[in-house]
PDB file of all heavy atoms in Angstrom:
ATOM      1  N   ALA A   1       0.840  -1.202   0.000  1.00  0.00           N
ATOM      2  CA  ALA A   1       0.000   0.000   0.000  1.00  0.00           C
ATOM      3  C   ALA A   1       0.875   1.253   0.000  1.00  0.00           C
ATOM      4  O   ALA A   1       2.057   1.220   0.363  1.00  0.00           O
ATOM      5  CB  ALA A   1      -0.914  -0.003   1.227  1.00  0.00           C
ATOM      6  N   GLU A   2       0.283   2.372  -0.393  1.00  0.00           N
ATOM      7  CA  GLU A   2       0.963   3.669  -0.347  1.00  0.00           C
ATOM      8  C   GLU A   2       0.794   4.240   1.060  1.00  0.00           C
ATOM      9  O   GLU A   2      -0.092   5.051   1.323  1.00  0.00           O
ATOM     10  CB  GLU A   2       0.391   4.597  -1.415  1.00  0.00           C
ATOM     11  CG  GLU A   2       0.667   4.121  -2.832  1.00  0.00           C
ATOM     12  CD  GLU A   2       0.140   5.076  -3.909  1.00  0.00           C
ATOM     13  OE1 GLU A   2      -0.706   5.934  -3.571  1.00  0.00           O
ATOM     14  OE2 GLU A   2       0.564   4.955  -5.066  1.00  0.00           O
ATOM     15  N   LEU A   3       1.660   3.827   1.961  1.00  0.00           N
ATOM     16  CA  LEU A   3       1.523   4.177   3.367  1.00  0.00           C
ATOM     17  C   LEU A   3       2.015   5.577   3.689  1.00  0.00           C
ATOM     18  O   LEU A   3       1.628   6.155   4.711  1.00  0.00           O
ATOM     19  CB  LEU A   3       2.292   3.175   4.229  1.00  0.00           C
ATOM     20  CG  LEU A   3       1.845   1.709   4.156  1.00  0.00           C
ATOM     21  CD1 LEU A   3       2.782   0.833   4.981  1.00  0.00           C
ATOM     22  CD2 LEU A   3       0.410   1.563   4.642  1.00  0.00           C
ATOM     23  N   THR A   4       2.900   6.131   2.856  1.00  0.00           N
ATOM     24  CA  THR A   4       3.495   7.432   3.164  1.00  0.00           C
ATOM     25  C   THR A   4       3.019   8.504   2.199  1.00  0.00           C
ATOM     26  O   THR A   4       2.201   9.354   2.546  1.00  0.00           O
ATOM     27  CB  THR A   4       5.029   7.333   3.129  1.00  0.00           C
ATOM     28  OG1 THR A   4       5.444   6.793   1.849  1.00  0.00           O
ATOM     29  CG2 THR A   4       5.547   6.427   4.245  1.00  0.00           C
ATOM     30  N   LEU A   5       3.490   8.448   0.961  1.00  0.00           N
ATOM     31  CA  LEU A   5       3.144   9.432  -0.069  1.00  0.00           C
ATOM     32  C   LEU A   5       2.713   8.703  -1.342  1.00  0.00           C
ATOM     33  O   LEU A   5       3.023   7.522  -1.528  1.00  0.00           O
ATOM     34  CB  LEU A   5       4.355  10.324  -0.382  1.00  0.00           C
ATOM     35  CG  LEU A   5       4.953  11.124   0.778  1.00  0.00           C
ATOM     36  CD1 LEU A   5       6.250  11.798   0.334  1.00  0.00           C
ATOM     37  CD2 LEU A   5       3.952  12.156   1.296  1.00  0.00           C
ATOM     38  N   GLY A   6       1.994   9.393  -2.189  1.00  0.00           N
ATOM     39  CA  GLY A   6       1.558   8.803  -3.438  1.00  0.00           C
ATOM     40  C   GLY A   6       2.737   8.338  -4.288  1.00  0.00           C
ATOM     41  O   GLY A   6       3.751   9.033  -4.409  1.00  0.00           O
ATOM     42  N   GLY A   7       2.626   7.144  -4.838  1.00  0.00           N
ATOM     43  CA  GLY A   7       3.664   6.591  -5.687  1.00  0.00           C
ATOM     44  C   GLY A   7       4.709   5.780  -4.946  1.00  0.00           C
ATOM     45  O   GLY A   7       5.545   5.117  -5.582  1.00  0.00           O
ATOM     46  N   PHE A   8       4.706   5.827  -3.605  1.00  0.00           N
ATOM     47  CA  PHE A   8       5.627   5.033  -2.804  1.00  0.00           C
ATOM     48  C   PHE A   8       4.887   3.794  -2.309  1.00  0.00           C
ATOM     49  O   PHE A   8       3.974   3.892  -1.494  1.00  0.00           O
ATOM     50  CB  PHE A   8       6.149   5.838  -1.610  1.00  0.00           C
ATOM     51  CG  PHE A   8       7.068   6.973  -1.986  1.00  0.00           C
ATOM     52  CD1 PHE A   8       6.548   8.207  -2.364  1.00  0.00           C
ATOM     53  CD2 PHE A   8       8.443   6.807  -1.957  1.00  0.00           C
ATOM     54  CE1 PHE A   8       7.384   9.257  -2.702  1.00  0.00           C
ATOM     55  CE2 PHE A   8       9.288   7.854  -2.296  1.00  0.00           C
ATOM     56  CZ  PHE A   8       8.760   9.082  -2.675  1.00  0.00           C
ATOM     57  N   ARG A   9       5.286   2.634  -2.829  1.00  0.00           N
ATOM     58  CA  ARG A   9       4.597   1.393  -2.519  1.00  0.00           C
ATOM     59  C   ARG A   9       5.363   0.632  -1.449  1.00  0.00           C
ATOM     60  O   ARG A   9       6.499   0.202  -1.664  1.00  0.00           O
ATOM     61  CB  ARG A   9       4.431   0.541  -3.781  1.00  0.00           C
ATOM     62  CG  ARG A   9       3.496   1.193  -4.802  1.00  0.00           C
ATOM     63  CD  ARG A   9       3.330   0.345  -6.055  1.00  0.00           C
ATOM     64  NE  ARG A   9       2.851  -1.005  -5.764  1.00  0.00           N
ATOM     65  CZ  ARG A   9       1.604  -1.311  -5.443  1.00  0.00           C
ATOM     66  NH1 ARG A   9       0.694  -0.352  -5.363  1.00  0.00           N
ATOM     67  NH2 ARG A   9       1.256  -2.567  -5.209  1.00  0.00           N
ATOM     68  N   HIS A  10       4.718   0.468  -0.288  1.00  0.00           N
ATOM     69  CA  HIS A  10       5.342  -0.174   0.863  1.00  0.00           C
ATOM     70  C   HIS A  10       4.664  -1.512   1.159  1.00  0.00           C
ATOM     71  O   HIS A  10       3.432  -1.615   1.082  1.00  0.00           O
ATOM     72  CB  HIS A  10       5.211   0.714   2.103  1.00  0.00           C
ATOM     73  CG  HIS A  10       5.736   2.106   1.922  1.00  0.00           C
ATOM     74  ND1 HIS A  10       7.054   2.431   2.091  1.00  0.00           N
ATOM     75  CD2 HIS A  10       5.100   3.275   1.580  1.00  0.00           C
ATOM     76  CE1 HIS A  10       7.225   3.724   1.881  1.00  0.00           C
ATOM     77  NE2 HIS A  10       6.060   4.255   1.566  1.00  0.00           N
ATOM     78  N   ASP A  11       5.440  -2.509   1.525  1.00  0.00           N
ATOM     79  CA  ASP A  11       4.870  -3.768   1.990  1.00  0.00           C
ATOM     80  C   ASP A  11       4.411  -3.577   3.430  1.00  0.00           C
ATOM     81  O   ASP A  11       5.205  -3.221   4.306  1.00  0.00           O
ATOM     82  CB  ASP A  11       5.900  -4.892   1.891  1.00  0.00           C
ATOM     83  CG  ASP A  11       6.179  -5.271   0.446  1.00  0.00           C
ATOM     84  OD1 ASP A  11       5.244  -5.225  -0.367  1.00  0.00           O
ATOM     85  OD2 ASP A  11       7.337  -5.606   0.139  1.00  0.00           O
ATOM     86  N   VAL A  12       3.141  -3.813   3.671  1.00  0.00           N
ATOM     87  CA  VAL A  12       2.559  -3.543   4.985  1.00  0.00           C
ATOM     88  C   VAL A  12       3.188  -4.429   6.061  1.00  0.00           C
ATOM     89  O   VAL A  12       3.438  -3.987   7.179  1.00  0.00           O
ATOM     90  CB  VAL A  12       1.030  -3.733   4.944  1.00  0.00           C
ATOM     91  CG1 VAL A  12       0.415  -3.525   6.320  1.00  0.00           C
ATOM     92  CG2 VAL A  12       0.415  -2.760   3.936  1.00  0.00           C
ATOM     93  N   CYS A  13       3.442  -5.673   5.724  1.00  0.00           N
ATOM     94  CA  CYS A  13       4.076  -6.600   6.681  1.00  0.00           C
ATOM     95  C   CYS A  13       5.317  -7.206   6.037  1.00  0.00           C
ATOM     96  O   CYS A  13       6.340  -6.554   5.980  1.00  0.00           O
ATOM     97  CB  CYS A  13       3.086  -7.667   7.122  1.00  0.00           C
ATOM     98  SG  CYS A  13       1.675  -7.014   8.038  1.00  0.00           S
ATOM     99  N   ALA A  14       5.220  -8.419   5.544  1.00  0.00           N
ATOM    100  CA  ALA A  14       6.391  -9.121   5.012  1.00  0.00           C
ATOM    101  C   ALA A  14       6.876  -8.487   3.715  1.00  0.00           C
ATOM    102  O   ALA A  14       6.073  -8.029   2.894  1.00  0.00           O
ATOM    103  CB  ALA A  14       6.046 -10.586   4.780  1.00  0.00           C
ATOM    104  N   THR A  15       8.203  -8.502   3.518  1.00  0.00           N
ATOM    105  CA  THR A  15       8.735  -7.919   2.283  1.00  0.00           C
ATOM    106  C   THR A  15       9.774  -8.789   1.597  1.00  0.00           C
ATOM    107  O   THR A  15       9.746  -8.945   0.391  1.00  0.00           O
ATOM    108  CB  THR A  15       9.299  -6.509   2.538  1.00  0.00           C
ATOM    109  OG1 THR A  15       9.508  -5.851   1.288  1.00  0.00           O
ATOM    110  CG2 THR A  15      10.584  -6.521   3.341  1.00  0.00           C
ATOM    111  N   ALA A  16      10.737  -9.382   2.328  1.00  0.00           N
ATOM    112  CA  ALA A  16      11.712 -10.300   1.729  1.00  0.00           C
ATOM    113  C   ALA A  16      11.254 -11.726   2.007  1.00  0.00           C
ATOM    114  O   ALA A  16      10.787 -12.031   3.098  1.00  0.00           O
ATOM    115  CB  ALA A  16      13.108 -10.060   2.301  1.00  0.00           C
ATOM    116  N   HIS A  17      11.420 -12.617   1.007  1.00  0.00           N
ATOM    117  CA  HIS A  17      10.760 -13.918   1.087  1.00  0.00           C
ATOM    118  C   HIS A  17      11.679 -15.100   0.783  1.00  0.00           C
ATOM    119  O   HIS A  17      11.509 -15.795  -0.221  1.00  0.00           O
ATOM    120  CB  HIS A  17       9.575 -13.938   0.121  1.00  0.00           C
ATOM    121  CG  HIS A  17       8.574 -12.871   0.357  1.00  0.00           C
ATOM    122  ND1 HIS A  17       7.759 -12.839   1.464  1.00  0.00           N
ATOM    123  CD2 HIS A  17       8.261 -11.767  -0.369  1.00  0.00           C
ATOM    124  CE1 HIS A  17       6.969 -11.777   1.413  1.00  0.00           C
ATOM    125  NE2 HIS A  17       7.266 -11.107   0.320  1.00  0.00           N
ATOM    126  N   PRO A  18      12.646 -15.378   1.662  1.00  0.00           N
ATOM    127  CA  PRO A  18      13.476 -16.579   1.425  1.00  0.00           C
ATOM    128  C   PRO A  18      12.659 -17.863   1.450  1.00  0.00           C
ATOM    129  O   PRO A  18      12.907 -18.779   0.662  1.00  0.00           O
ATOM    130  CB  PRO A  18      14.492 -16.541   2.569  1.00  0.00           C
ATOM    131  CG  PRO A  18      13.883 -15.659   3.611  1.00  0.00           C
ATOM    132  CD  PRO A  18      13.065 -14.651   2.863  1.00  0.00           C
ATOM    133  N   LEU A  19      11.667 -17.935   2.336  1.00  0.00           N
ATOM    134  CA  LEU A  19      10.838 -19.140   2.413  1.00  0.00           C
ATOM    135  C   LEU A  19       9.762 -19.141   1.328  1.00  0.00           C
ATOM    136  O   LEU A  19       9.280 -20.199   0.930  1.00  0.00           O
ATOM    137  CB  LEU A  19      10.192 -19.256   3.795  1.00  0.00           C
ATOM    138  CG  LEU A  19      11.167 -19.342   4.976  1.00  0.00           C
ATOM    139  CD1 LEU A  19      10.406 -19.503   6.290  1.00  0.00           C
ATOM    140  CD2 LEU A  19      12.143 -20.497   4.789  1.00  0.00           C
ATOM    141  N   GLY A  20       9.379 -17.968   0.852  1.00  0.00           N
ATOM    142  CA  GLY A  20       8.401 -17.906  -0.229  1.00  0.00           C
ATOM    143  C   GLY A  20       8.976 -18.411  -1.537  1.00  0.00           C
ATOM    144  O   GLY A  20       8.362 -19.208  -2.246  1.00  0.00           O
ATOM    145  N   ARG A  21      10.176 -17.957  -1.860  1.00  0.00           N
ATOM    146  CA  ARG A  21      10.819 -18.418  -3.090  1.00  0.00           C
ATOM    147  C   ARG A  21      11.106 -19.909  -3.022  1.00  0.00           C
ATOM    148  O   ARG A  21      11.067 -20.608  -4.043  1.00  0.00           O
ATOM    149  CB  ARG A  21      12.122 -17.637  -3.310  1.00  0.00           C
ATOM    150  CG  ARG A  21      12.885 -18.036  -4.561  1.00  0.00           C
ATOM    151  CD  ARG A  21      12.087 -17.692  -5.813  1.00  0.00           C
ATOM    152  NE  ARG A  21      12.766 -18.155  -7.019  1.00  0.00           N
ATOM    153  CZ  ARG A  21      12.627 -19.364  -7.539  1.00  0.00           C
ATOM    154  NH1 ARG A  21      11.843 -20.268  -6.947  1.00  0.00           N
ATOM    155  NH2 ARG A  21      13.270 -19.691  -8.638  1.00  0.00           N
ATOM    156  N   GLY A  22      11.396 -20.422  -1.823  1.00  0.00           N
ATOM    157  CA  GLY A  22      11.717 -21.834  -1.684  1.00  0.00           C
ATOM    158  C   GLY A  22      10.554 -22.720  -1.318  1.00  0.00           C
ATOM    159  O   GLY A  22      10.721 -23.928  -1.154  1.00  0.00           O
ATOM    160  N   SER A  23       9.347 -22.158  -1.165  1.00  0.00           N
ATOM    161  CA  SER A  23       8.189 -22.939  -0.743  1.00  0.00           C
ATOM    162  C   SER A  23       7.887 -24.066  -1.725  1.00  0.00           C
ATOM    163  O   SER A  23       7.710 -23.825  -2.921  1.00  0.00           O
ATOM    164  CB  SER A  23       6.967 -22.026  -0.638  1.00  0.00           C
ATOM    165  OG  SER A  23       5.771 -22.779  -0.555  1.00  0.00           O
ATOM    166  N   PRO A  24       7.803 -25.311  -1.251  1.00  0.00           N
ATOM    167  CA  PRO A  24       7.486 -26.422  -2.158  1.00  0.00           C
ATOM    168  C   PRO A  24       6.165 -26.227  -2.891  1.00  0.00           C
ATOM    169  O   PRO A  24       6.056 -26.586  -4.068  1.00  0.00           O
ATOM    170  CB  PRO A  24       7.436 -27.632  -1.220  1.00  0.00           C
ATOM    171  CG  PRO A  24       8.317 -27.264  -0.076  1.00  0.00           C
ATOM    172  CD  PRO A  24       8.115 -25.790   0.110  1.00  0.00           C
ATOM    173  N   VAL A  25       5.166 -25.657  -2.230  1.00  0.00           N
ATOM    174  CA  VAL A  25       3.876 -25.503  -2.890  1.00  0.00           C
ATOM    175  C   VAL A  25       3.895 -24.331  -3.865  1.00  0.00           C
ATOM    176  O   VAL A  25       3.363 -24.434  -4.979  1.00  0.00           O
ATOM    177  CB  VAL A  25       2.724 -25.363  -1.862  1.00  0.00           C
ATOM    178  CG1 VAL A  25       2.843 -24.092  -1.038  1.00  0.00           C
ATOM    179  CG2 VAL A  25       1.361 -25.405  -2.561  1.00  0.00           C
ATOM    180  N   PHE A  26       4.540 -23.224  -3.520  1.00  0.00           N
ATOM    181  CA  PHE A  26       4.611 -22.103  -4.459  1.00  0.00           C
ATOM    182  C   PHE A  26       5.412 -22.478  -5.694  1.00  0.00           C
ATOM    183  O   PHE A  26       5.104 -22.035  -6.804  1.00  0.00           O
ATOM    184  CB  PHE A  26       5.247 -20.883  -3.798  1.00  0.00           C
ATOM    185  CG  PHE A  26       4.389 -20.210  -2.748  1.00  0.00           C
ATOM    186  CD1 PHE A  26       4.922 -19.193  -1.965  1.00  0.00           C
ATOM    187  CD2 PHE A  26       3.074 -20.583  -2.549  1.00  0.00           C
ATOM    188  CE1 PHE A  26       4.146 -18.562  -0.993  1.00  0.00           C
ATOM    189  CE2 PHE A  26       2.285 -19.959  -1.575  1.00  0.00           C
ATOM    190  CZ  PHE A  26       2.834 -18.951  -0.801  1.00  0.00           C
ATOM    191  N   ARG A  27       6.462 -23.294  -5.516  1.00  0.00           N
ATOM    192  CA  ARG A  27       7.306 -23.644  -6.658  1.00  0.00           C
ATOM    193  C   ARG A  27       6.544 -24.453  -7.697  1.00  0.00           C
ATOM    194  O   ARG A  27       6.860 -24.377  -8.890  1.00  0.00           O
ATOM    195  CB  ARG A  27       8.533 -24.450  -6.186  1.00  0.00           C
ATOM    196  CG  ARG A  27       9.511 -23.668  -5.356  1.00  0.00           C
ATOM    197  CD  ARG A  27      10.920 -24.284  -5.394  1.00  0.00           C
ATOM    198  NE  ARG A  27      10.950 -25.704  -5.144  1.00  0.00           N
ATOM    199  CZ  ARG A  27      11.131 -26.265  -3.961  1.00  0.00           C
ATOM    200  NH1 ARG A  27      11.241 -25.501  -2.882  1.00  0.00           N
ATOM    201  NH2 ARG A  27      11.177 -27.576  -3.822  1.00  0.00           N
ATOM    202  N   ARG A  28       5.559 -25.232  -7.262  1.00  0.00           N
ATOM    203  CA  ARG A  28       4.860 -26.070  -8.244  1.00  0.00           C
ATOM    204  C   ARG A  28       3.625 -25.389  -8.838  1.00  0.00           C
ATOM    205  O   ARG A  28       3.050 -25.899  -9.803  1.00  0.00           O
ATOM    206  CB  ARG A  28       4.472 -27.408  -7.613  1.00  0.00           C
ATOM    207  CG  ARG A  28       3.338 -27.352  -6.622  1.00  0.00           C
ATOM    208  CD  ARG A  28       2.824 -28.749  -6.296  1.00  0.00           C
ATOM    209  NE  ARG A  28       1.743 -28.755  -5.339  1.00  0.00           N
ATOM    210  CZ  ARG A  28       0.487 -28.443  -5.637  1.00  0.00           C
ATOM    211  NH1 ARG A  28       0.165 -28.083  -6.868  1.00  0.00           N
ATOM    212  NH2 ARG A  28      -0.449 -28.486  -4.701  1.00  0.00           N
ATOM    213  N   LEU A  29       3.196 -24.264  -8.266  1.00  0.00           N
ATOM    214  CA  LEU A  29       2.026 -23.572  -8.787  1.00  0.00           C
ATOM    215  C   LEU A  29       2.415 -22.641  -9.933  1.00  0.00           C
ATOM    216  O   LEU A  29       3.511 -22.084  -9.939  1.00  0.00           O
ATOM    217  CB  LEU A  29       1.343 -22.764  -7.675  1.00  0.00           C
ATOM    218  CG  LEU A  29       0.723 -23.564  -6.536  1.00  0.00           C
ATOM    219  CD1 LEU A  29       0.168 -22.626  -5.460  1.00  0.00           C
ATOM    220  CD2 LEU A  29      -0.381 -24.479  -7.053  1.00  0.00           C
ATOM    221  N   PRO A  30       1.520 -22.429 -10.894  1.00  0.00           N
ATOM    222  CA  PRO A  30       1.846 -21.585 -12.062  1.00  0.00           C
ATOM    223  C   PRO A  30       1.689 -20.097 -11.752  1.00  0.00           C
ATOM    224  O   PRO A  30       1.008 -19.361 -12.485  1.00  0.00           O
ATOM    225  CB  PRO A  30       0.819 -22.061 -13.101  1.00  0.00           C
ATOM    226  CG  PRO A  30      -0.384 -22.419 -12.284  1.00  0.00           C
ATOM    227  CD  PRO A  30       0.168 -23.029 -11.010  1.00  0.00           C
ATOM    228  N   LEU A  31       2.332 -19.622 -10.697  1.00  0.00           N
ATOM    229  CA  LEU A  31       2.110 -18.247 -10.257  1.00  0.00           C
ATOM    230  C   LEU A  31       2.740 -17.225 -11.201  1.00  0.00           C
ATOM    231  O   LEU A  31       2.264 -16.090 -11.288  1.00  0.00           O
ATOM    232  CB  LEU A  31       2.642 -18.071  -8.837  1.00  0.00           C
ATOM    233  CG  LEU A  31       2.002 -18.981  -7.783  1.00  0.00           C
ATOM    234  CD1 LEU A  31       2.570 -18.691  -6.406  1.00  0.00           C
ATOM    235  CD2 LEU A  31       0.480 -18.834  -7.788  1.00  0.00           C
ATOM    236  N   ALA A  32       3.798 -17.618 -11.932  1.00  0.00           N
ATOM    237  CA  ALA A  32       4.393 -16.697 -12.909  1.00  0.00           C
ATOM    238  C   ALA A  32       3.396 -16.335 -13.994  1.00  0.00           C
ATOM    239  O   ALA A  32       3.435 -15.226 -14.550  1.00  0.00           O
ATOM    240  CB  ALA A  32       5.649 -17.322 -13.515  1.00  0.00           C
ATOM    241  N   ARG A  33       2.496 -17.249 -14.277  1.00  0.00           N
ATOM    242  CA  ARG A  33       1.448 -16.991 -15.273  1.00  0.00           C
ATOM    243  C   ARG A  33       0.571 -15.817 -14.866  1.00  0.00           C
ATOM    244  O   ARG A  33      -0.019 -15.126 -15.713  1.00  0.00           O
ATOM    245  CB  ARG A  33       0.596 -18.249 -15.454  1.00  0.00           C
ATOM    246  CG  ARG A  33      -0.480 -18.153 -16.519  1.00  0.00           C
ATOM    247  CD  ARG A  33      -1.393 -19.366 -16.456  1.00  0.00           C
ATOM    248  NE  ARG A  33      -0.653 -20.625 -16.506  1.00  0.00           N
ATOM    249  CZ  ARG A  33      -1.190 -21.801 -16.199  1.00  0.00           C
ATOM    250  NH1 ARG A  33      -2.455 -21.882 -15.793  1.00  0.00           N
ATOM    251  NH2 ARG A  33      -0.471 -22.897 -16.272  1.00  0.00           N
ATOM    252  N   TYR A  34       0.495 -15.569 -13.575  1.00  0.00           N
ATOM    253  CA  TYR A  34      -0.346 -14.497 -13.055  1.00  0.00           C
ATOM    254  C   TYR A  34       0.468 -13.285 -12.607  1.00  0.00           C
ATOM    255  O   TYR A  34      -0.003 -12.457 -11.825  1.00  0.00           O
ATOM    256  CB  TYR A  34      -1.187 -15.019 -11.887  1.00  0.00           C
ATOM    257  CG  TYR A  34      -2.094 -16.163 -12.297  1.00  0.00           C
ATOM    258  CD1 TYR A  34      -1.706 -17.480 -12.086  1.00  0.00           C
ATOM    259  CD2 TYR A  34      -3.304 -15.921 -12.940  1.00  0.00           C
ATOM    260  CE1 TYR A  34      -2.520 -18.534 -12.471  1.00  0.00           C
ATOM    261  CE2 TYR A  34      -4.126 -16.972 -13.338  1.00  0.00           C
ATOM    262  CZ  TYR A  34      -3.721 -18.267 -13.110  1.00  0.00           C
ATOM    263  OH  TYR A  34      -4.528 -19.324 -13.504  1.00  0.00           O
ATOM    264  N   GLY A  35       1.690 -13.178 -13.115  1.00  0.00           N
ATOM    265  CA  GLY A  35       2.467 -11.967 -12.901  1.00  0.00           C
ATOM    266  C   GLY A  35       3.485 -12.006 -11.783  1.00  0.00           C
ATOM    267  O   GLY A  35       4.152 -10.993 -11.526  1.00  0.00           O
ATOM    268  N   LEU A  36       3.649 -13.153 -11.085  1.00  0.00           N
ATOM    269  CA  LEU A  36       4.617 -13.199 -10.008  1.00  0.00           C
ATOM    270  C   LEU A  36       6.041 -13.206 -10.573  1.00  0.00           C
ATOM    271  O   LEU A  36       6.396 -14.058 -11.372  1.00  0.00           O
ATOM    272  CB  LEU A  36       4.414 -14.451  -9.143  1.00  0.00           C
ATOM    273  CG  LEU A  36       5.428 -14.640  -8.009  1.00  0.00           C
ATOM    274  CD1 LEU A  36       5.330 -13.517  -6.996  1.00  0.00           C
ATOM    275  CD2 LEU A  36       5.251 -15.997  -7.338  1.00  0.00           C
ATOM    276  N   ARG A  37       6.848 -12.222 -10.135  1.00  0.00           N
ATOM    277  CA  ARG A  37       8.243 -12.126 -10.523  1.00  0.00           C
ATOM    278  C   ARG A  37       9.086 -11.889  -9.277  1.00  0.00           C
ATOM    279  O   ARG A  37       8.733 -11.070  -8.435  1.00  0.00           O
ATOM    280  CB  ARG A  37       8.477 -10.961 -11.509  1.00  0.00           C
ATOM    281  CG  ARG A  37       7.679 -11.064 -12.807  1.00  0.00           C
ATOM    282  CD  ARG A  37       8.204 -12.175 -13.713  1.00  0.00           C
ATOM    283  NE  ARG A  37       7.474 -12.211 -14.984  1.00  0.00           N
ATOM    284  CZ  ARG A  37       6.357 -12.896 -15.192  1.00  0.00           C
ATOM    285  NH1 ARG A  37       5.827 -13.615 -14.198  1.00  0.00           N
ATOM    286  NH2 ARG A  37       5.754 -12.868 -16.366  1.00  0.00           N
ATOM    287  N   TRP A  38      10.191 -12.607  -9.170  1.00  0.00           N
ATOM    288  CA  TRP A  38      11.075 -12.470  -8.022  1.00  0.00           C
ATOM    289  C   TRP A  38      12.234 -11.542  -8.372  1.00  0.00           C
ATOM    290  O   TRP A  38      12.806 -11.627  -9.463  1.00  0.00           O
ATOM    291  CB  TRP A  38      11.621 -13.823  -7.593  1.00  0.00           C
ATOM    292  CG  TRP A  38      10.566 -14.776  -7.096  1.00  0.00           C
ATOM    293  CD1 TRP A  38      10.021 -15.824  -7.780  1.00  0.00           C
ATOM    294  CD2 TRP A  38       9.930 -14.755  -5.819  1.00  0.00           C
ATOM    295  NE1 TRP A  38       9.083 -16.470  -7.006  1.00  0.00           N
ATOM    296  CE2 TRP A  38       9.011 -15.833  -5.791  1.00  0.00           C
ATOM    297  CE3 TRP A  38      10.050 -13.938  -4.699  1.00  0.00           C
ATOM    298  CZ2 TRP A  38       8.218 -16.106  -4.685  1.00  0.00           C
ATOM    299  CZ3 TRP A  38       9.257 -14.212  -3.587  1.00  0.00           C
ATOM    300  CH2 TRP A  38       8.352 -15.284  -3.585  1.00  0.00           C
ATOM    301  N   VAL A  39      12.592 -10.669  -7.437  1.00  0.00           N
ATOM    302  CA  VAL A  39      13.683  -9.722  -7.604  1.00  0.00           C
ATOM    303  C   VAL A  39      14.800 -10.101  -6.635  1.00  0.00           C
ATOM    304  O   VAL A  39      14.587 -10.114  -5.415  1.00  0.00           O
ATOM    305  CB  VAL A  39      13.213  -8.277  -7.333  1.00  0.00           C
ATOM    306  CG1 VAL A  39      14.374  -7.306  -7.429  1.00  0.00           C
ATOM    307  CG2 VAL A  39      12.089  -7.884  -8.285  1.00  0.00           C
ATOM    308  N   HIS A  40      15.995 -10.392  -7.174  1.00  0.00           N
ATOM    309  CA  HIS A  40      17.115 -10.855  -6.348  1.00  0.00           C
ATOM    310  C   HIS A  40      18.201  -9.778  -6.272  1.00  0.00           C
ATOM    311  O   HIS A  40      18.890  -9.519  -7.267  1.00  0.00           O
ATOM    312  CB  HIS A  40      17.711 -12.134  -6.932  1.00  0.00           C
ATOM    313  CG  HIS A  40      16.827 -13.330  -6.800  1.00  0.00           C
ATOM    314  ND1 HIS A  40      16.854 -14.163  -5.702  1.00  0.00           N
ATOM    315  CD2 HIS A  40      15.870 -13.827  -7.629  1.00  0.00           C
ATOM    316  CE1 HIS A  40      15.968 -15.138  -5.865  1.00  0.00           C
ATOM    317  NE2 HIS A  40      15.350 -14.954  -7.017  1.00  0.00           N
TER     318      HIS A  40
END
């Protein structure tokens, strides 16, 4: 959400995802088809 000023997008809670990228269930789901991109 834009918690501070317009155009600044902040993660309300979690932001870095070592377990998300490595999640066995996320890895097998076609989430890239729906726009999921990881930034390293």
